[in-house]
Protein backbone atom coordinates (compact mmCIF):
# COMPACT_ATOMS: atom_id res chain seq x y z
CA MET A 1 31.73 -27.09 -1.08
CA GLN A 2 30.35 -30.83 -2.02
CA GLY A 3 26.55 -30.49 -3.01
CA ALA A 4 26.49 -27.00 -3.19
CA LEU A 5 24.97 -24.77 -6.05
CA THR A 6 26.82 -21.42 -7.46
CA TYR A 7 26.07 -19.05 -10.06
CA THR A 8 27.73 -16.16 -11.94
CA LEU A 9 26.77 -13.64 -14.42
CA ASP A 10 28.38 -13.05 -17.60
CA ASP A 11 28.38 -10.21 -19.92
CA ASP A 12 27.80 -11.28 -23.17
CA GLY A 13 28.72 -7.83 -24.73
CA ALA A 14 25.13 -7.05 -26.37
CA GLY A 15 23.85 -5.26 -23.13
CA ALA A 16 22.66 -8.72 -21.52
CA SER A 17 23.71 -11.07 -18.79
CA ARG A 18 24.61 -14.76 -19.12
CA LEU A 19 23.46 -16.81 -16.28
CA VAL A 20 26.00 -19.56 -15.76
CA LEU A 21 24.94 -22.37 -12.85
CA GLU A 22 27.67 -24.67 -11.51
CA GLY A 23 27.36 -27.65 -8.71
CA GLN A 24 24.23 -29.81 -8.01
CA LEU A 25 21.12 -28.40 -8.97
CA LEU A 26 19.19 -30.47 -6.48
CA VAL A 27 15.94 -29.86 -3.78
CA SER A 28 18.80 -30.06 -1.24
CA SER A 29 20.96 -27.26 -2.56
CA VAL A 30 18.87 -24.86 -4.69
CA GLY A 31 16.64 -23.74 -1.87
CA PRO A 32 19.49 -21.25 -0.40
CA VAL A 33 20.16 -19.63 -3.84
CA GLU A 34 16.40 -19.58 -5.14
CA ALA A 35 15.59 -16.41 -3.67
CA GLU A 36 19.00 -14.70 -4.65
CA LEU A 37 18.36 -16.13 -8.63
CA ASP A 38 14.42 -14.58 -8.27
CA ALA A 39 16.08 -11.15 -7.04
CA LEU A 40 18.36 -11.26 -10.21
CA ASP A 41 17.68 -8.71 -13.18
CA PRO A 42 14.94 -10.85 -14.99
CA LYS A 43 16.73 -10.28 -18.55
CA PHE A 44 19.30 -13.13 -19.09
CA SER A 45 20.38 -13.55 -22.62
CA GLU A 46 20.39 -17.50 -22.00
CA ILE A 47 21.00 -19.74 -19.11
CA ASP A 48 24.09 -22.47 -19.10
CA ILE A 49 23.97 -25.51 -16.91
CA ALA A 50 26.60 -27.16 -18.55
CA ALA A 51 28.68 -27.38 -15.55
CA VAL A 52 25.84 -28.49 -13.47
CA ASP A 53 27.03 -31.82 -12.10
CA GLU A 54 23.17 -33.40 -10.90
CA ILE A 55 19.63 -32.21 -11.61
CA ASP A 56 16.39 -33.55 -10.18
CA THR A 57 12.54 -32.66 -10.89
CA VAL A 58 12.73 -29.55 -8.36
CA GLY A 59 16.30 -27.80 -10.02
CA ALA A 60 14.62 -28.16 -13.71
CA TRP A 61 11.44 -26.33 -12.89
CA VAL A 62 13.56 -23.62 -11.23
CA VAL A 63 15.51 -23.58 -14.25
CA SER A 64 12.50 -23.51 -16.19
CA ARG A 65 10.76 -20.79 -14.45
CA LEU A 66 14.09 -18.67 -14.76
CA ALA A 67 14.16 -19.14 -18.28
CA LYS A 68 10.26 -18.53 -18.83
CA ARG A 69 10.79 -15.14 -16.99
CA SER A 70 13.78 -14.02 -19.09
CA ASP A 71 12.32 -15.84 -22.47
CA CYS A 72 15.79 -17.00 -22.97
CA PRO A 73 17.19 -20.33 -23.79
CA ILE A 74 18.56 -22.96 -21.75
CA THR A 75 22.17 -24.25 -23.03
CA GLY A 76 24.59 -26.98 -21.90
CA ALA A 77 21.84 -29.33 -20.62
CA SER A 78 23.05 -33.21 -20.59
CA ASP A 79 20.48 -35.55 -21.66
CA THR A 80 18.93 -36.15 -18.20
CA ALA A 81 18.80 -32.90 -17.86
CA LYS A 82 16.77 -32.04 -21.06
CA HIS A 83 14.65 -35.28 -19.95
CA LEU A 84 13.93 -33.32 -16.89
CA LEU A 85 13.41 -29.81 -18.64
CA ASP A 86 10.86 -31.51 -21.03
CA ALA A 87 8.66 -33.16 -18.23
CA VAL A 88 8.58 -30.00 -16.07
CA ALA A 89 7.78 -27.42 -19.19
CA ASP A 90 4.15 -27.46 -18.77
CA THR A 91 4.04 -26.90 -15.01
CA VAL A 92 5.73 -23.92 -14.95
CA SER A 93 3.02 -21.00 -14.59
CA ASP A 94 3.18 -17.46 -13.42
CA GLY A 95 -0.32 -17.54 -12.19
CA ASP A 96 -1.37 -16.15 -8.78
CA LEU A 97 -0.62 -18.42 -5.81
CA THR A 98 -3.69 -16.80 -3.78
CA PRO A 99 -7.16 -17.01 -5.02
CA GLU A 100 -8.93 -13.75 -5.86
CA HIS A 101 -10.12 -12.09 -2.73
CA VAL A 102 -14.04 -12.05 -3.16
CA PRO A 103 -15.96 -8.77 -2.06
CA VAL A 104 -17.75 -9.51 1.19
CA TRP A 105 -20.89 -8.49 -0.44
CA GLU A 106 -20.42 -11.46 -2.92
CA ARG A 107 -18.67 -13.87 -0.46
CA VAL A 108 -21.66 -13.66 2.12
CA PRO A 109 -24.54 -14.60 -0.38
CA LEU A 110 -22.15 -17.33 -1.69
CA LEU A 111 -21.55 -18.90 1.72
CA LEU A 112 -25.53 -18.47 2.59
CA GLY A 113 -26.30 -20.19 -0.72
CA GLY A 114 -23.75 -22.95 -0.17
CA LYS A 115 -25.44 -23.55 3.35
CA VAL A 116 -28.95 -23.57 2.08
CA TYR A 117 -27.75 -26.29 -0.71
CA GLN A 118 -26.06 -28.13 1.72
CA ALA A 119 -29.10 -28.22 4.11
CA ARG A 120 -31.53 -29.23 0.96
CA SER A 121 -29.33 -32.40 0.53
CA GLY A 122 -29.20 -32.74 4.03
CA PHE A 123 -32.84 -32.82 4.58
CA PHE A 124 -33.37 -35.38 1.37
CA GLY A 125 -30.61 -37.81 3.28
CA VAL A 126 -32.63 -37.62 6.74
CA VAL A 127 -35.63 -38.15 4.80
CA SER A 128 -34.28 -41.16 3.13
CA PHE A 129 -32.37 -42.72 6.21
CA LEU A 130 -36.00 -42.31 8.22
CA GLY A 131 -37.52 -44.17 5.17
CA ALA A 132 -34.83 -46.98 5.57
CA ILE A 133 -35.91 -47.26 9.44
CA ILE A 134 -39.77 -47.10 8.59
CA LEU A 135 -38.97 -50.19 6.10
CA GLY A 136 -36.89 -51.79 8.53
CA PHE A 137 -39.13 -52.06 11.21
CA ALA A 138 -41.94 -53.16 8.78
CA ASN A 139 -39.63 -56.09 7.66
CA LEU A 140 -38.73 -56.92 11.15
CA ALA A 141 -42.50 -56.85 12.02
CA ARG A 142 -43.26 -59.10 9.30
CA HIS A 143 -40.54 -61.85 10.32
CA PRO A 144 -40.12 -61.35 13.87
CA SER A 145 -37.33 -64.20 14.23
CA ARG A 146 -34.97 -61.64 12.48
CA VAL A 147 -35.10 -59.03 15.14
CA PRO A 148 -31.28 -58.79 16.73
CA ILE A 149 -32.26 -59.36 20.37
CA ARG A 150 -29.06 -59.92 21.49
CA ALA A 151 -28.01 -56.57 19.41
CA VAL A 152 -30.85 -55.10 21.51
CA VAL A 153 -29.67 -56.23 24.97
CA ARG A 154 -26.01 -55.35 24.34
CA GLN A 155 -26.93 -51.95 23.53
CA MET A 156 -29.31 -51.51 26.22
CA GLU A 157 -26.28 -52.44 28.38
CA MET A 158 -24.11 -49.98 26.83
CA VAL A 159 -26.45 -47.20 26.75
CA GLY A 160 -28.26 -47.92 30.19
CA VAL A 161 -26.42 -50.24 32.53
CA SER A 162 -23.03 -48.80 31.91
CA ALA A 163 -24.30 -45.24 32.41
CA LEU A 164 -25.74 -45.78 35.55
CA PRO A 165 -23.05 -44.38 37.68
CA ILE A 166 -21.90 -41.26 35.63
CA ILE A 167 -25.49 -40.25 35.22
CA GLY A 168 -26.10 -40.89 38.83
CA LEU A 169 -23.15 -38.76 39.98
CA MET A 170 -24.32 -35.83 37.52
CA SER A 171 -27.83 -36.25 38.97
CA PHE A 172 -27.14 -36.13 42.76
CA LEU A 173 -24.67 -32.86 42.33
CA ILE A 174 -27.25 -31.18 40.02
CA GLY A 175 -29.84 -31.88 43.23
CA ILE A 176 -27.24 -30.50 45.32
CA VAL A 177 -26.61 -27.23 43.44
CA ILE A 178 -30.42 -26.72 42.94
CA ALA A 179 -31.19 -26.91 46.81
CA GLN A 180 -28.26 -25.04 47.98
CA GLN A 181 -29.02 -22.18 45.46
CA GLY A 182 -32.88 -22.47 45.62
CA ALA A 183 -32.90 -22.15 49.59
CA VAL A 184 -30.11 -18.99 49.15
CA GLN A 185 -32.67 -17.32 47.17
CA LEU A 186 -36.02 -18.28 49.05
CA SER A 187 -34.29 -17.56 52.26
CA GLN A 188 -34.54 -13.94 51.26
CA PHE A 189 -38.59 -14.12 51.58
CA GLY A 190 -38.41 -16.38 54.16
CA ALA A 191 -39.41 -19.41 52.21
CA GLU A 192 -36.98 -22.26 52.55
CA THR A 193 -39.04 -24.76 53.03
CA LEU A 194 -40.19 -24.15 49.39
CA THR A 195 -36.87 -25.56 48.11
CA VAL A 196 -38.51 -29.24 48.54
CA ASN A 197 -41.21 -28.09 45.73
CA LEU A 198 -37.97 -26.34 43.76
CA VAL A 199 -36.20 -29.37 43.87
CA GLY A 200 -38.87 -32.08 43.04
CA ARG A 201 -40.71 -30.07 40.21
CA ILE A 202 -37.86 -29.02 37.99
CA THR A 203 -36.10 -32.31 38.46
CA LEU A 204 -38.86 -34.58 37.72
CA ARG A 205 -40.24 -32.25 35.11
CA GLU A 206 -37.22 -30.67 33.20
CA LEU A 207 -33.66 -31.07 34.64
CA GLY A 208 -33.81 -34.87 35.12
CA VAL A 209 -34.41 -36.24 31.37
CA LEU A 210 -32.82 -32.83 29.71
CA MET A 211 -29.33 -33.26 31.54
CA THR A 212 -29.73 -37.48 30.81
CA ALA A 213 -30.27 -36.91 27.28
CA ILE A 214 -27.50 -34.27 26.96
CA MET A 215 -25.10 -37.11 28.57
CA VAL A 216 -26.41 -39.99 26.69
CA ALA A 217 -25.64 -37.85 23.39
CA GLY A 218 -22.19 -36.91 24.43
CA ARG A 219 -21.50 -40.58 25.32
CA SER A 220 -23.86 -42.91 23.39
CA GLY A 221 -24.90 -40.80 20.48
CA SER A 222 -20.87 -40.17 19.58
CA ALA A 223 -20.31 -43.75 20.06
CA PHE A 224 -23.08 -44.65 17.57
CA ALA A 225 -21.42 -42.18 15.20
CA ALA A 226 -18.05 -43.35 15.49
CA GLN A 227 -18.66 -47.21 15.45
CA ILE A 228 -20.95 -47.03 12.36
CA GLY A 229 -18.62 -44.63 10.83
CA THR A 230 -15.61 -46.52 11.19
CA MET A 231 -17.63 -49.58 9.67
CA LYS A 232 -18.37 -47.66 6.88
CA LEU A 233 -14.57 -47.11 6.30
CA THR A 234 -13.64 -50.45 6.49
CA GLU A 235 -16.18 -51.37 4.20
CA GLU A 236 -18.04 -53.73 6.58
CA VAL A 237 -21.03 -52.13 6.04
CA ASP A 238 -20.65 -52.85 2.38
CA ALA A 239 -19.81 -56.62 3.31
CA MET A 240 -23.12 -56.66 5.29
CA ARG A 241 -25.03 -55.72 2.33
CA THR A 242 -23.24 -58.20 0.17
CA ILE A 243 -24.40 -61.25 1.82
CA GLY A 244 -27.82 -60.16 2.45
CA ILE A 245 -27.76 -58.49 5.89
CA SER A 246 -29.49 -55.02 6.07
CA PRO A 247 -27.16 -52.60 8.16
CA ILE A 248 -30.13 -50.77 9.05
CA GLU A 249 -31.77 -53.85 10.75
CA ARG A 250 -28.41 -55.20 12.28
CA LEU A 251 -26.63 -51.61 13.27
CA VAL A 252 -29.29 -48.92 13.16
CA ILE A 253 -32.41 -50.44 14.65
CA PRO A 254 -30.71 -51.74 17.83
CA ARG A 255 -29.38 -48.88 18.62
CA ILE A 256 -32.65 -47.02 18.36
CA ILE A 257 -34.76 -49.50 20.19
CA ALA A 258 -31.95 -49.68 23.23
CA CYS A 259 -31.90 -45.91 23.41
CA THR A 260 -35.10 -44.89 23.36
CA PHE A 261 -36.15 -47.65 25.86
CA MET A 262 -33.40 -46.90 28.21
CA MET A 263 -33.82 -42.95 28.04
CA ILE A 264 -37.12 -43.67 30.48
CA ILE A 265 -35.52 -45.43 32.75
CA LEU A 266 -32.04 -43.26 32.82
CA GLY A 267 -34.45 -40.38 33.01
CA PHE A 268 -36.55 -41.48 35.95
CA TYR A 269 -33.50 -42.52 37.62
CA SER A 270 -32.04 -39.25 37.27
CA SER A 271 -34.58 -37.47 38.68
CA VAL A 272 -34.71 -39.69 41.70
CA VAL A 273 -31.31 -39.09 42.38
CA GLY A 274 -31.27 -35.79 41.76
CA ILE A 275 -33.98 -35.40 44.74
CA ILE A 276 -31.97 -37.27 47.15
CA GLY A 277 -29.31 -34.95 46.45
CA GLY A 278 -31.69 -32.19 47.11
CA ALA A 279 -32.89 -34.11 50.54
CA VAL A 280 -29.17 -34.36 51.61
CA ILE A 281 -28.36 -30.79 51.03
CA GLY A 282 -32.02 -30.16 53.17
CA GLN A 283 -30.90 -32.55 56.01
CA PHE A 284 -27.29 -30.68 56.42
CA ALA A 285 -28.09 -27.27 55.42
CA LEU A 286 -31.65 -26.46 55.50
CA GLY A 287 -32.66 -28.23 58.70
CA ILE A 288 -35.06 -30.53 56.82
CA PRO A 289 -34.72 -34.23 57.98
CA PHE A 290 -34.03 -36.46 54.67
CA PHE A 291 -37.13 -38.58 55.19
CA ASN A 292 -39.44 -35.74 55.80
CA PHE A 293 -37.90 -33.94 52.42
CA LEU A 294 -38.79 -37.03 50.33
CA GLU A 295 -42.10 -37.21 52.00
CA ARG A 296 -43.08 -33.95 51.26
CA ILE A 297 -42.00 -34.53 47.73
CA GLN A 298 -44.83 -36.42 47.41
CA GLU A 299 -47.31 -34.15 48.68
CA VAL A 300 -45.88 -31.04 46.41
CA VAL A 301 -45.07 -32.49 43.01
CA PRO A 302 -48.34 -33.33 41.06
CA LEU A 303 -48.08 -36.76 39.35
CA HIS A 304 -48.57 -35.05 35.70
CA ASP A 305 -45.20 -34.03 36.51
CA VAL A 306 -43.83 -37.11 36.36
CA TRP A 307 -45.57 -38.04 33.57
CA VAL A 308 -43.96 -35.19 31.64
CA GLY A 309 -40.39 -36.48 32.45
CA LEU A 310 -41.47 -40.08 31.27
CA VAL A 311 -43.44 -38.67 28.18
CA LYS A 312 -40.08 -36.87 27.16
CA ALA A 313 -37.47 -39.39 27.71
CA PRO A 314 -38.11 -41.70 25.06
CA VAL A 315 -38.24 -39.15 22.44
CA PHE A 316 -35.42 -37.65 23.31
CA GLY A 317 -33.54 -40.73 23.24
CA LEU A 318 -34.93 -41.16 19.58
CA ILE A 319 -33.28 -38.13 18.59
CA VAL A 320 -30.01 -39.14 20.17
CA ALA A 321 -29.98 -42.55 18.85
CA LEU A 322 -31.15 -41.40 15.18
CA ALA A 323 -28.50 -38.34 15.30
CA GLY A 324 -25.61 -40.48 16.00
CA CYS A 325 -26.65 -43.82 13.52
CA TYR A 326 -27.58 -41.15 11.08
CA HIS A 327 -24.19 -39.17 10.81
CA GLY A 328 -22.28 -42.81 11.12
CA MET A 329 -23.85 -43.95 8.03
CA GLN A 330 -22.58 -40.34 6.38
CA VAL A 331 -19.23 -41.14 6.78
CA LYS A 332 -16.83 -41.71 3.49
CA GLY A 333 -13.46 -40.82 2.35
CA ASN A 334 -10.96 -41.19 5.43
CA SER A 335 -10.53 -41.18 8.90
CA GLU A 336 -11.28 -37.33 9.58
CA GLU A 337 -14.72 -37.92 8.42
CA VAL A 338 -15.37 -40.23 11.53
CA GLY A 339 -14.13 -37.40 13.87
CA LEU A 340 -16.44 -34.72 11.92
CA ARG A 341 -19.56 -36.60 11.63
CA THR A 342 -19.01 -37.76 15.66
CA THR A 343 -18.98 -34.18 16.46
CA MET A 344 -22.00 -33.14 14.38
CA ALA A 345 -23.64 -36.05 15.79
CA VAL A 346 -23.43 -34.67 19.41
CA VAL A 347 -24.10 -31.03 18.54
CA SER A 348 -27.10 -32.02 16.42
CA ALA A 349 -28.78 -34.17 19.05
CA ILE A 350 -28.16 -31.79 21.79
CA PHE A 351 -29.66 -28.92 19.70
CA ALA A 352 -32.89 -31.00 18.93
CA VAL A 353 -33.03 -32.21 22.26
CA ILE A 354 -33.24 -28.50 23.69
CA VAL A 355 -35.40 -27.19 20.90
CA LEU A 356 -38.12 -29.85 21.68
CA ASP A 357 -37.81 -29.25 25.17
CA ALA A 358 -39.10 -25.68 24.70
CA PHE A 359 -41.72 -27.25 22.42
CA PHE A 360 -42.96 -29.75 25.28
CA ALA A 361 -42.89 -26.65 27.78
CA VAL A 362 -45.10 -24.56 25.76
CA PHE A 363 -47.53 -27.81 24.98
CA PHE A 364 -47.73 -29.22 28.30
CA THR A 365 -48.52 -25.69 29.56
CA GLU A 366 -51.45 -25.33 27.32
CA VAL A 367 -52.79 -29.02 27.90
CA GLY A 368 -52.80 -27.89 31.66
CA TRP A 369 -49.88 -29.63 32.78
CA GLY A 370 -47.61 -26.54 33.51
């Protein structure tokens, strides 16, 4: 059969076998018989490849491995075969193909130590990044003409204006859910009218700005990381530095300004739409007229609840922008790193927003805005 590899075992008269290979010793033909060769008695007196028509690197590696296992010579090799055998001689190894299994009591501390070291490196990276941003803002304050107004406006459009439909729909549905579920629970105590209080306070104080921050993190924070990360891979960031343009001033600061400012508008917009969603449920399910619901909101919701949401919004926007831009600037190596850093940007931003929201809740309670 053309292209096939066959073998025979000849008795050399001294109690050992002589392995004779015939045919083509190629990657396409050695596979079907390699397992059989490995299963043979490992002791050969010699391996004869004089009848081998063609040989490649894989075939030479297989023969070298068999010869090393049996500690026997290879005979009948052509000049080409000798060249290949010499090339692969040092690559033949009997070492383990799988790493040594480390016990769990050693593996866990090693993993924890690695994570701590990564956290240490990450902390230094974040501090360095924040320092570069502060210097960038200082340079722009000294030279106002260098402020990238067009880039800021463009990012405001991307972060804010383009997000209005999806954030409005999300907030409207959340308002409906809060009003409907709240009314069901409050009806057990005959207090359905307090649904207005529930929707107004929780929307303006917590859910409006929090859900908006999560949506912006998933929508804009990921975009920041992907855009800047791709520019890092294509060396556009390096090109900017080469021609004297600061990437921090042109790429990072416009996104930070836009996200921080637009979060105030988006957070308030989300709260208002959420209240409208609750008013719709009040009209059709609770028997509370739509405009009476809105008038009641003004009476039961204290003004400081509005300020709580407006104070938290820019902080959440700043966190989202910093996470997205930082992870984008850390991209290096290959395109897989872009996806990894984009995921890390979204996860770290949402985590930080939720943790900060908990701190804000405690803080505002302590100052009497609970």
